[in-house]
Each structure stands twice: as C-alpha cells, then as structure tokens.
Amino acid sequence: MRTIRDTVTPGVPQARGQRTRAVIIGLDCLPGIQTARILKENGVPVIGIARDPNHPFSHTNTCDAIRFSPVSQDELMSVLEVISSQLDQKAVLYPCTDSSVLLVSRNRQAFQESYHIALPEPETLEMLMDKTSFFRFAQEHGLPVPATFFLRTRVEAIAASKQIPFPCIMKPGFKTSNWERNAAGAKAYLLSSSQEFLAAYDLCSSWAESIVAQEWVRGKDRDLYSCNCYFDEQSKPIVTFVARKLRQNPPILGVSASGEECRNDTVLKQTVELFTNVRLRGLGYLEMKRDAHSGQYRVIEPNIGRPTGRSAIAEAGGVPLIYSMYCDLAGLQLPPRREQTYHGAKWIYFKKDLASSWHYWQKGELTLGEWMRSLWGHKRDAVFSWSDPMPFLLDWWTPIRDLMRRGWRLLRQGNVQPLVHDSQTRSPLP
C-alpha cells in the first residue's frame, strides 16, 4: 500500500445507523468514477480504491475516503482488510476492473464476512471472462458467434490462416498486463490477409496465454448493441438496459465514445437467455453486432462482475442499474422504476467522441449537422459533472500539458517538427 488520502476524516469510521457503505475497486478508471458518482447521487457513502494518485479520476470529491494501492493481490487484499476493520457492518463491494473481479472471486471466502459480493460461481465466472473458454462454450451451445479459432501454437495459427474468412480480428483470450503494455492500448488487431495474420500472431503470441482469431462482423459502430443487466441471487434479471454505440475511439476496434438507448428485443432476449442458463449472479453485459450484409446478430463478448464504461447510460435513461445492485446486496427495498421506457437517453465521453468524430468527418462519413444531432436529447457525460469538476478538468489538462512539454523539449533541442497524430491511419500492427 503506497498512500492513503481521506477526504473527510482520518480513517474510515462509520457512525452507528449510517447507510451501508460501498467500496469501489478501480476508482481511477471510467467505470469506477461513474459508479462512485451514481452511488453518491443516491445518498450512498463511498470509499474508493485507486492505483494512481495522479490520475484525473483520483481527484474526485465523491468519496468519503480514497486509498491507493497497487493492483497486485497481496497489497489490494491488505487494503480491503484495513477498510473492513474500520467499519461496523459489511460494505457492498464494486470491483470495476477485470483483474479485481478475478481477485475478489478467487478470494471470495476471505471477503464474504466483511463485504457483500455479487458474483456467479467461480467456474462460471472464469468461463465467461476468458474469451477462449467462452467461445468454446458458445460453439458447443449453438450461440450465434462469428467463426472463431483458438491459437496456442504457430501450427494452429497456420491452419487457421487458411480457413478463417478475411478480414478477421485477433485478440487475447484474456487481456493480460503484458498484452496491454505491448499492444499500446489496442483491444484487437484487424487483419486482411493470411500474411498479416501470421505476422500478427508472431508478434503478439507471447503477450497472452492464448490468442483468439475471429471472423470480422461487417458493420459500423452503430451496429454494435449491448445489454447491461443485474441478476439477483436466484439468477433472475432485476434490471436490463439495451443501448448501442454511436461512435467508438479509436474507430472500428476501440472503446465507446458515445452511445444511445434503443430498443432491440433480439439483443435483450439473447442476453437474458445466456445469463439465465449459466446462472449469472451480479452485473452482466453482452455485446452483439448486427451484420450489415446478412442482418443477423453475432455475439461479440460478455463482461461480468463489474460495471462497464457505458453502463451509466442506464441511469441516464431512468433505470437504476448500479443502485439496484446496492439495494439488493444491502437488504434495502429495490427501486420501484426499473423497467426501460426507451426515451432515447445518451451517453458521451466528450474527449474521445471529438477524436472519433474528427476521424469520420475527415473520411466524409459524418457531417457537422449529423454530429450535433447525435448529441441532442437527455444524456450523461462520462467524465464531466458540475458537482465534481476536477476529474474532467484534469482529464483535458493532462494531454495538453504533455503536448506542451513535448513541444518545449523539441524547441530547446532546435528540432521542431509538425506534430502529426497518425493513430487513426497507421497499420493495425504496431
């Protein structure tokens, strides 16, 4: 454990009779900061755990206390034990990263006396989180998934390169820290030939235990649909909320930059069927893509056990996804209005949406008028908040500061060159 910052009082004492606290692991990520704000809006006292004290989101005012810790198991478990020892009742635990979901699951026996936890059985969780295991499960159970190949050796990669339809994508079975470090933020690589396929495999096969190659489902960002949900202890859906992406950044294989609420009964039905059949407990998310040529839907990936970057769109649409989990675990009455009413709520991460919109505008695929219309209506900003402005200000200031520092170094060296950002046009391989 590196440092502790308490934003109200030393330690994290809890007064008798105070509402059950929520503890957020991963405050310094998008799902973490959004979860903290949603809970505070509902009067829930929040304790945050973050890795980086200098991250913009670590400067939020939504938490009663913020503790900083590396993400390794021993340090994080130590922080959770310290927090629980200072509370007089169990807290509701919100892991907001995949690694923290796995840590909590694999140590659930140690945490269950101190925390309310909503996770499925360990075997189910591991299967849904590992892409290799999930797509094997999907193929065995007839789920509508793209053609998928699992690569553990180059011999398997050579065989797959002769069978898989192009274009295709290549991604890790489970995203490791080694993948994140070497792939420079790329979730996957889009490949157009067998030569690119084998070159990509040779490059990234050592970054993860297994590599997944998958047929590319043709379509635009708007063809990506998702359903966020929460399932109770009996594996019944308490909350469901369907939305779709408008734009993602980087385009094609990025993360959500903006999205909108929509009705899609196909995605809803598939989500409920899948998670009911595997007896999900807790938060779930299923992403599907509509094939622009055939009109058929394909399962892209599930995420479970944590909020997602765009799950806050549910609250914008009047459906209390995050708060319903809190009420269920804390033994409170569930919020009365949990049914989606389809009023077209939107979600936007403005900084990333600007970058994505600029890309599409340059390609002639988005006009200024279309972009402005896509922002109309009730929406929730991913980072901006009038009551908690510092994360937004620092989120913008940090890249501006880094650019200024880079320019100043070049100026002092007498080597000033145009700063060209080519991340949208470079080859998919690093």
Protein backbone atom coordinates (compact mmCIF):
# COMPACT_ATOMS: atom_id res chain seq x y z
CA MET A 1 0.00 0.00 0.00
CA ARG A 2 1.54 3.32 -1.02
CA THR A 3 -0.51 6.19 0.32
CA ILE A 4 -3.83 6.92 1.96
CA ARG A 5 -5.89 10.03 1.42
CA ASP A 6 -9.09 10.50 3.42
CA THR A 7 -11.24 13.27 2.05
CA VAL A 8 -13.37 13.73 5.18
CA THR A 9 -11.84 12.35 8.37
CA PRO A 10 -8.81 10.22 9.28
CA GLY A 11 -9.52 6.54 8.70
CA VAL A 12 -12.92 5.44 7.50
CA PRO A 13 -15.02 5.12 10.67
CA GLN A 14 -18.70 4.50 10.19
CA ALA A 15 -21.24 6.01 12.53
CA ARG A 16 -23.88 3.76 14.03
CA GLY A 17 -27.01 3.78 11.92
CA GLN A 18 -25.29 5.20 8.84
CA ARG A 19 -26.17 3.64 5.49
CA THR A 20 -24.14 0.70 4.32
CA ARG A 21 -21.01 1.89 2.59
CA ALA A 22 -19.91 0.96 -0.91
CA VAL A 23 -16.26 0.19 -1.65
CA ILE A 24 -15.12 0.72 -5.25
CA ILE A 25 -12.02 -1.05 -6.56
CA GLY A 26 -10.67 0.83 -9.57
CA LEU A 27 -11.81 4.37 -8.85
CA ASP A 28 -9.24 5.61 -11.39
CA CYS A 29 -10.99 4.04 -14.38
CA LEU A 30 -14.14 5.09 -16.22
CA PRO A 31 -16.50 2.52 -14.65
CA GLY A 32 -15.08 3.39 -11.23
CA ILE A 33 -15.61 7.15 -11.31
CA GLN A 34 -19.08 6.77 -12.81
CA THR A 35 -20.09 4.19 -10.19
CA ALA A 36 -18.90 6.46 -7.38
CA ARG A 37 -20.94 9.37 -8.69
CA ILE A 38 -24.10 7.31 -9.22
CA LEU A 39 -23.95 5.94 -5.69
CA LYS A 40 -23.32 9.36 -4.16
CA GLU A 41 -26.30 10.75 -6.07
CA ASN A 42 -28.37 8.11 -4.28
CA GLY A 43 -27.01 9.02 -0.87
CA VAL A 44 -24.58 6.12 -0.54
CA PRO A 45 -21.29 6.77 1.33
CA VAL A 46 -18.42 5.65 -0.88
CA ILE A 47 -14.84 4.55 -0.25
CA GLY A 48 -12.61 4.41 -3.33
CA ILE A 49 -9.51 2.33 -4.04
CA ALA A 50 -7.29 3.60 -6.85
CA ARG A 51 -3.90 2.67 -8.22
CA ASP A 52 -2.61 6.07 -9.34
CA PRO A 53 -2.83 9.15 -7.08
CA ASN A 54 -2.09 11.36 -10.08
CA HIS A 55 -4.88 10.02 -12.27
CA PRO A 56 -7.56 12.66 -13.01
CA PHE A 57 -10.30 10.46 -11.56
CA SER A 58 -8.39 10.13 -8.28
CA HIS A 59 -9.25 13.79 -7.62
CA THR A 60 -12.98 13.20 -7.37
CA ASN A 61 -14.89 14.62 -4.42
CA THR A 62 -17.47 11.83 -4.41
CA CYS A 63 -15.69 9.60 -1.89
CA ASP A 64 -15.55 9.84 1.88
CA ALA A 65 -12.11 8.29 1.64
CA ILE A 66 -9.70 7.25 -1.11
CA ARG A 67 -6.94 4.70 -0.63
CA PHE A 68 -4.18 3.99 -3.10
CA SER A 69 -2.74 0.58 -3.74
CA PRO A 70 -1.00 -1.42 -6.47
CA VAL A 71 -3.24 -3.93 -8.19
CA SER A 72 -1.27 -6.98 -7.06
CA GLN A 73 -3.16 -9.42 -4.89
CA ASP A 74 -1.36 -9.05 -1.57
CA GLU A 75 -1.45 -5.24 -1.48
CA LEU A 76 -5.07 -4.97 -2.59
CA MET A 77 -6.24 -7.62 -0.15
CA SER A 78 -4.41 -5.79 2.62
CA VAL A 79 -6.20 -2.53 1.78
CA LEU A 80 -9.59 -4.26 1.74
CA GLU A 81 -8.87 -5.85 5.12
CA VAL A 82 -7.90 -2.49 6.62
CA ILE A 83 -11.08 -0.85 5.31
CA SER A 84 -13.32 -3.64 6.60
CA SER A 85 -11.68 -3.49 10.05
CA GLN A 86 -12.76 0.15 10.39
CA LEU A 87 -16.41 -0.47 9.54
CA ASP A 88 -19.09 -1.76 11.88
CA GLN A 89 -21.05 -3.52 9.14
CA LYS A 90 -20.43 -5.22 5.81
CA ALA A 91 -19.86 -2.95 2.82
CA VAL A 92 -21.09 -3.50 -0.73
CA LEU A 93 -18.11 -4.28 -2.96
CA TYR A 94 -17.88 -2.98 -6.54
CA PRO A 95 -14.84 -4.32 -8.43
CA CYS A 96 -14.58 -2.16 -11.56
CA THR A 97 -11.76 -3.88 -13.49
CA ASP A 98 -11.42 -7.40 -14.82
CA SER A 99 -8.37 -8.09 -12.67
CA SER A 100 -10.17 -7.01 -9.50
CA VAL A 101 -13.19 -9.17 -10.38
CA LEU A 102 -10.89 -12.18 -10.64
CA LEU A 103 -9.11 -11.29 -7.39
CA VAL A 104 -12.38 -10.98 -5.48
CA SER A 105 -13.74 -14.19 -6.99
CA ARG A 106 -10.64 -16.21 -6.21
CA ASN A 107 -10.59 -14.92 -2.63
CA ARG A 108 -14.33 -14.73 -2.01
CA GLN A 109 -14.18 -16.90 1.09
CA ALA A 110 -11.85 -14.39 2.74
CA PHE A 111 -14.06 -11.43 1.78
CA GLN A 112 -17.55 -12.75 2.43
CA GLU A 113 -17.52 -11.96 6.16
CA SER A 114 -16.67 -8.30 5.50
CA TYR A 115 -18.25 -7.50 2.14
CA HIS A 116 -21.47 -8.06 0.23
CA ILE A 117 -20.37 -9.64 -3.07
CA ALA A 118 -22.44 -10.35 -6.19
CA LEU A 119 -20.61 -12.84 -8.40
CA PRO A 120 -21.59 -16.14 -10.04
CA GLU A 121 -19.97 -19.45 -9.14
CA PRO A 122 -16.19 -19.42 -9.70
CA GLU A 123 -16.29 -21.82 -12.66
CA THR A 124 -18.98 -19.77 -14.39
CA LEU A 125 -17.12 -16.53 -13.82
CA GLU A 126 -13.83 -17.86 -15.17
CA MET A 127 -15.57 -19.29 -18.24
CA LEU A 128 -17.36 -16.03 -19.09
CA MET A 129 -14.29 -13.86 -18.55
CA ASP A 130 -11.87 -15.94 -20.60
CA LYS A 131 -12.62 -15.47 -24.31
CA THR A 132 -11.21 -18.85 -25.25
CA SER A 133 -13.41 -20.65 -22.72
CA PHE A 134 -16.46 -18.56 -23.54
CA PHE A 135 -16.33 -19.05 -27.29
CA ARG A 136 -15.81 -22.78 -26.84
CA PHE A 137 -18.92 -22.74 -24.65
CA ALA A 138 -20.76 -20.64 -27.25
CA GLN A 139 -19.90 -23.04 -30.07
CA GLU A 140 -20.96 -26.07 -28.01
CA HIS A 141 -24.31 -24.48 -27.12
CA GLY A 142 -25.15 -23.07 -30.53
CA LEU A 143 -24.85 -19.38 -29.69
CA PRO A 144 -24.62 -17.04 -32.71
CA VAL A 145 -20.91 -16.28 -32.67
CA PRO A 146 -18.57 -15.46 -35.57
CA ALA A 147 -16.26 -18.16 -36.89
CA THR A 148 -13.66 -18.50 -34.15
CA PHE A 149 -10.26 -20.17 -33.91
CA PHE A 150 -8.17 -20.72 -30.77
CA LEU A 151 -4.44 -20.38 -31.25
CA ARG A 152 -1.85 -21.79 -28.84
CA THR A 153 0.85 -22.76 -31.35
CA ARG A 154 2.07 -21.49 -34.68
CA VAL A 155 0.91 -24.71 -36.29
CA GLU A 156 -2.64 -23.85 -35.21
CA ALA A 157 -2.13 -20.30 -36.48
CA ILE A 158 -1.05 -21.56 -39.91
CA ALA A 159 -4.07 -23.85 -40.11
CA ALA A 160 -6.43 -21.06 -39.06
CA SER A 161 -4.97 -18.61 -41.58
CA LYS A 162 -6.11 -20.97 -44.36
CA GLN A 163 -9.67 -21.32 -43.06
CA ILE A 164 -10.75 -18.06 -41.45
CA PRO A 165 -12.67 -15.53 -43.60
CA PHE A 166 -10.91 -12.20 -44.09
CA PRO A 167 -10.99 -9.60 -42.76
CA CYS A 168 -10.68 -11.02 -39.27
CA ILE A 169 -9.61 -9.86 -35.85
CA MET A 170 -7.01 -11.21 -33.46
CA LYS A 171 -7.25 -10.63 -29.71
CA PRO A 172 -6.10 -12.21 -26.44
CA GLY A 173 -8.09 -14.96 -24.79
CA PHE A 174 -7.74 -12.89 -21.63
CA LYS A 175 -6.27 -9.40 -21.68
CA THR A 176 -3.13 -9.55 -19.56
CA SER A 177 -0.95 -6.69 -18.33
CA ASN A 178 1.66 -7.96 -20.80
CA TRP A 179 -0.82 -7.52 -23.67
CA GLU A 180 -1.79 -4.02 -22.53
CA ARG A 181 1.83 -2.99 -22.22
CA ASN A 182 2.91 -4.28 -25.64
CA ALA A 183 -0.24 -3.58 -27.66
CA ALA A 184 -0.21 0.13 -26.75
CA GLY A 185 -3.87 0.13 -25.82
CA ALA A 186 -5.16 -1.90 -28.77
CA LYS A 187 -8.00 -4.28 -27.87
CA ALA A 188 -7.50 -6.32 -31.04
CA TYR A 189 -5.97 -6.20 -34.50
CA LEU A 190 -7.92 -6.13 -37.75
CA LEU A 191 -6.21 -8.27 -40.39
CA SER A 192 -6.90 -8.58 -44.10
CA SER A 193 -4.71 -11.45 -45.34
CA SER A 194 -3.05 -14.67 -44.26
CA GLN A 195 0.32 -12.91 -44.36
CA GLU A 196 -0.88 -10.24 -41.94
CA PHE A 197 -2.48 -12.96 -39.85
CA LEU A 198 0.74 -14.88 -39.31
CA ALA A 199 2.77 -11.71 -38.78
CA ALA A 200 0.33 -10.61 -36.10
CA TYR A 201 0.45 -13.99 -34.41
CA ASP A 202 4.25 -13.99 -34.37
CA LEU A 203 4.17 -10.54 -32.86
CA CYS A 204 1.64 -10.99 -30.07
CA SER A 205 1.53 -14.73 -29.29
CA SER A 206 3.82 -14.21 -26.30
CA TRP A 207 1.63 -11.44 -24.85
CA ALA A 208 -1.12 -13.80 -23.67
CA GLU A 209 -1.58 -17.46 -22.81
CA SER A 210 -3.94 -17.96 -25.73
CA ILE A 211 -4.91 -15.98 -28.81
CA VAL A 212 -8.38 -15.85 -30.35
CA ALA A 213 -8.87 -15.25 -34.08
CA GLN A 214 -12.35 -14.38 -35.18
CA GLU A 215 -14.25 -13.56 -38.33
CA TRP A 216 -14.93 -9.82 -38.63
CA VAL A 217 -18.63 -8.97 -38.46
CA ARG A 218 -19.13 -6.25 -41.06
CA GLY A 219 -20.89 -3.11 -39.98
CA LYS A 220 -20.43 0.33 -38.45
CA ASP A 221 -20.08 1.46 -34.87
CA ARG A 222 -23.85 1.94 -34.73
CA ASP A 223 -24.34 -1.77 -35.43
CA LEU A 224 -22.87 -2.65 -32.03
CA TYR A 225 -25.62 -3.27 -29.47
CA SER A 226 -25.34 -4.14 -25.82
CA CYS A 227 -27.44 -5.04 -22.82
CA ASN A 228 -26.35 -4.13 -19.29
CA CYS A 229 -28.10 -6.10 -16.59
CA TYR A 230 -28.16 -7.16 -12.95
CA PHE A 231 -29.21 -10.64 -11.82
CA ASP A 232 -30.22 -11.48 -8.26
CA GLU A 233 -29.29 -14.46 -6.10
CA GLN A 234 -31.85 -16.65 -7.88
CA SER A 235 -30.35 -15.66 -11.26
CA LYS A 236 -33.39 -13.58 -12.17
CA PRO A 237 -32.90 -10.30 -14.10
CA ILE A 238 -33.68 -7.38 -11.79
CA VAL A 239 -32.56 -4.74 -14.30
CA THR A 240 -31.91 -4.81 -18.05
CA PHE A 241 -31.00 -1.90 -20.30
CA VAL A 242 -30.35 -2.05 -24.05
CA ALA A 243 -28.26 0.54 -25.89
CA ARG A 244 -25.98 0.82 -28.89
CA LYS A 245 -22.78 2.60 -29.72
CA LEU A 246 -22.82 5.73 -31.84
CA ARG A 247 -19.07 6.10 -32.13
CA GLN A 248 -16.03 4.44 -30.62
CA ASN A 249 -12.44 5.55 -30.31
CA PRO A 250 -10.27 4.51 -31.99
CA PRO A 251 -12.86 3.79 -34.70
CA ILE A 252 -13.57 0.18 -35.68
CA LEU A 253 -11.87 -1.56 -32.72
CA GLY A 254 -11.98 0.99 -29.93
CA VAL A 255 -13.98 1.62 -26.78
CA SER A 256 -17.25 3.52 -26.55
CA ALA A 257 -17.04 7.24 -27.20
CA SER A 258 -20.80 7.80 -27.36
CA GLY A 259 -23.94 5.71 -27.28
CA GLU A 260 -27.71 5.88 -27.15
CA GLU A 261 -30.57 3.99 -25.60
CA CYS A 262 -32.55 1.89 -28.07
CA ARG A 263 -34.99 -0.97 -28.26
CA ASN A 264 -33.63 -4.27 -29.55
CA ASP A 265 -35.58 -7.31 -28.43
CA THR A 266 -33.15 -9.70 -30.14
CA VAL A 267 -30.24 -8.48 -28.01
CA LEU A 268 -32.37 -8.42 -24.86
CA LYS A 269 -33.65 -11.95 -25.39
CA GLN A 270 -30.18 -13.35 -26.10
CA THR A 271 -28.73 -11.63 -23.03
CA VAL A 272 -31.40 -12.91 -20.66
CA GLU A 273 -31.23 -16.43 -22.10
CA LEU A 274 -27.46 -16.67 -21.87
CA PHE A 275 -27.10 -15.32 -18.35
CA THR A 276 -30.11 -17.24 -17.04
CA ASN A 277 -28.75 -20.51 -18.45
CA VAL A 278 -25.34 -20.04 -16.81
CA ARG A 279 -26.99 -18.82 -13.58
CA LEU A 280 -25.36 -15.42 -13.50
CA ARG A 281 -25.23 -13.56 -10.21
CA GLY A 282 -24.46 -9.83 -10.26
CA LEU A 283 -23.73 -7.38 -13.04
CA GLY A 284 -23.58 -8.59 -16.62
CA TYR A 285 -23.09 -7.13 -20.09
CA LEU A 286 -23.45 -8.71 -23.50
CA GLU A 287 -22.34 -7.04 -26.73
CA MET A 288 -23.74 -8.14 -30.08
CA LYS A 289 -23.20 -6.83 -33.60
CA ARG A 290 -25.64 -6.76 -36.48
CA ASP A 291 -24.03 -7.97 -39.68
CA ALA A 292 -24.52 -5.20 -42.23
CA HIS A 293 -24.77 -7.73 -45.07
CA SER A 294 -26.94 -10.52 -43.67
CA GLY A 295 -28.79 -8.61 -40.97
CA GLN A 296 -28.02 -11.41 -38.50
CA TYR A 297 -26.73 -10.72 -34.99
CA ARG A 298 -23.50 -12.16 -33.65
CA VAL A 299 -22.32 -12.33 -30.05
CA ILE A 300 -19.12 -10.28 -29.68
CA GLU A 301 -18.31 -10.69 -25.99
CA PRO A 302 -19.71 -10.76 -22.45
CA ASN A 303 -18.43 -8.82 -19.45
CA ILE A 304 -19.50 -9.81 -15.97
CA GLY A 305 -18.98 -8.93 -12.33
CA ARG A 306 -18.39 -5.22 -12.83
CA PRO A 307 -19.86 -2.02 -14.27
CA THR A 308 -18.82 -1.22 -17.84
CA GLY A 309 -17.70 2.09 -19.29
CA ARG A 310 -21.14 2.75 -20.76
CA SER A 311 -23.31 1.22 -18.01
CA ALA A 312 -24.05 4.72 -16.67
CA ILE A 313 -26.33 5.25 -19.67
CA ALA A 314 -28.90 3.15 -17.79
CA GLU A 315 -29.13 5.78 -15.04
CA ALA A 316 -29.42 8.46 -17.73
CA GLY A 317 -32.40 6.52 -19.07
CA GLY A 318 -34.05 6.38 -15.65
CA VAL A 319 -33.11 2.76 -14.91
CA PRO A 320 -31.07 2.42 -11.67
CA LEU A 321 -28.66 -0.35 -12.67
CA ILE A 322 -25.83 0.40 -10.24
CA TYR A 323 -28.08 1.46 -7.39
CA SER A 324 -30.29 -1.64 -7.75
CA MET A 325 -27.25 -3.81 -7.08
CA TYR A 326 -26.53 -1.78 -3.95
CA CYS A 327 -30.10 -2.10 -2.68
CA ASP A 328 -30.23 -5.82 -3.38
CA LEU A 329 -26.99 -6.54 -1.51
CA ALA A 330 -27.63 -4.09 1.35
CA GLY A 331 -31.04 -5.59 2.02
CA LEU A 332 -32.98 -2.49 1.01
CA GLN A 333 -36.17 -2.28 -1.00
CA LEU A 334 -35.39 -2.26 -4.70
CA PRO A 335 -36.03 0.99 -6.59
CA PRO A 336 -39.62 0.99 -7.92
CA ARG A 337 -38.90 2.03 -11.52
CA ARG A 338 -36.51 -0.46 -13.09
CA GLU A 339 -38.12 -1.04 -16.49
CA GLN A 340 -36.61 0.57 -19.58
CA THR A 341 -39.03 3.04 -21.19
CA TYR A 342 -36.96 3.97 -24.28
CA HIS A 343 -36.78 7.76 -24.14
CA GLY A 344 -33.55 7.92 -26.17
CA ALA A 345 -31.09 8.69 -23.37
CA LYS A 346 -27.49 9.17 -24.49
CA TRP A 347 -24.01 8.80 -23.06
CA ILE A 348 -20.85 10.54 -24.24
CA TYR A 349 -17.19 10.64 -23.37
CA PHE A 350 -16.71 14.02 -24.99
CA LYS A 351 -12.94 13.98 -25.40
CA LYS A 352 -12.94 10.60 -27.12
CA ASP A 353 -16.05 11.39 -29.14
CA LEU A 354 -14.39 14.50 -30.58
CA ALA A 355 -11.44 12.42 -31.77
CA SER A 356 -13.72 9.78 -33.30
CA SER A 357 -15.99 12.38 -34.93
CA TRP A 358 -12.98 14.15 -36.43
CA HIS A 359 -11.88 10.85 -37.99
CA TYR A 360 -15.28 10.22 -39.55
CA TRP A 361 -15.62 13.84 -40.68
CA GLN A 362 -12.26 13.63 -42.47
CA LYS A 363 -13.44 10.49 -44.26
CA GLY A 364 -16.66 12.18 -45.31
CA GLU A 365 -18.78 9.82 -43.23
CA LEU A 366 -20.05 12.39 -40.71
CA THR A 367 -21.25 15.96 -41.18
CA LEU A 368 -21.28 18.68 -38.55
CA GLY A 369 -25.06 18.64 -38.56
CA GLU A 370 -25.19 14.86 -38.04
CA TRP A 371 -22.72 15.11 -35.17
CA MET A 372 -24.70 17.87 -33.46
CA ARG A 373 -27.97 15.95 -33.85
CA SER A 374 -26.33 12.90 -32.30
CA LEU A 375 -25.74 14.96 -29.15
CA TRP A 376 -29.29 16.23 -28.78
CA GLY A 377 -31.51 14.91 -26.01
CA HIS A 378 -31.05 13.86 -22.42
CA LYS A 379 -27.55 12.50 -21.84
CA ARG A 380 -24.96 11.69 -19.25
CA ASP A 381 -21.36 12.73 -19.71
CA ALA A 382 -18.82 10.05 -18.86
CA VAL A 383 -16.46 12.42 -17.04
CA PHE A 384 -17.99 15.90 -16.70
CA SER A 385 -20.01 16.75 -13.60
CA TRP A 386 -20.96 20.21 -12.30
CA SER A 387 -20.71 18.94 -8.72
CA ASP A 388 -17.39 17.13 -9.31
CA PRO A 389 -15.48 19.12 -11.96
CA MET A 390 -11.85 18.30 -11.14
CA PRO A 391 -11.65 14.89 -12.91
CA PHE A 392 -12.94 16.49 -16.13
CA LEU A 393 -10.54 19.43 -15.95
CA LEU A 394 -7.54 17.21 -15.27
CA ASP A 395 -8.63 14.71 -17.94
CA TRP A 396 -8.33 17.52 -20.51
CA TRP A 397 -5.32 19.23 -18.96
CA THR A 398 -3.06 16.16 -18.78
CA PRO A 399 -2.72 15.58 -22.59
CA ILE A 400 -2.46 19.34 -23.19
CA ARG A 401 0.33 19.57 -20.61
CA ASP A 402 2.17 16.59 -22.11
CA LEU A 403 1.91 18.09 -25.61
CA MET A 404 3.28 21.41 -24.35
CA ARG A 405 6.17 19.66 -22.62
CA ARG A 406 6.97 17.74 -25.79
CA GLY A 407 6.92 20.91 -27.86
CA TRP A 408 9.13 22.73 -25.36
CA ARG A 409 11.71 19.90 -25.40
CA LEU A 410 11.80 19.94 -29.20
CA LEU A 411 12.13 23.71 -29.21
CA ARG A 412 15.07 23.61 -26.81
CA GLN A 413 16.70 20.93 -28.94
CA GLY A 414 16.19 23.01 -32.08
CA ASN A 415 14.31 20.13 -33.68
CA VAL A 416 10.78 21.46 -34.09
CA GLN A 417 8.70 19.35 -36.48
CA PRO A 418 4.98 19.23 -37.15
CA LEU A 419 3.22 17.11 -34.55
CA VAL A 420 1.15 14.74 -36.71
CA HIS A 421 -1.23 12.38 -34.97
CA ASP A 422 -1.48 9.28 -37.11
CA SER A 423 -3.12 6.82 -34.72
CA GLN A 424 -6.20 6.55 -36.94
CA THR A 425 -4.34 5.79 -40.15
CA ARG A 426 -1.49 3.59 -39.07
CA SER A 427 -1.27 -0.12 -39.88
CA PRO A 428 -3.14 -2.31 -37.44
CA LEU A 429 0.16 -3.86 -36.44
CA PRO A 430 2.39 -1.83 -34.09
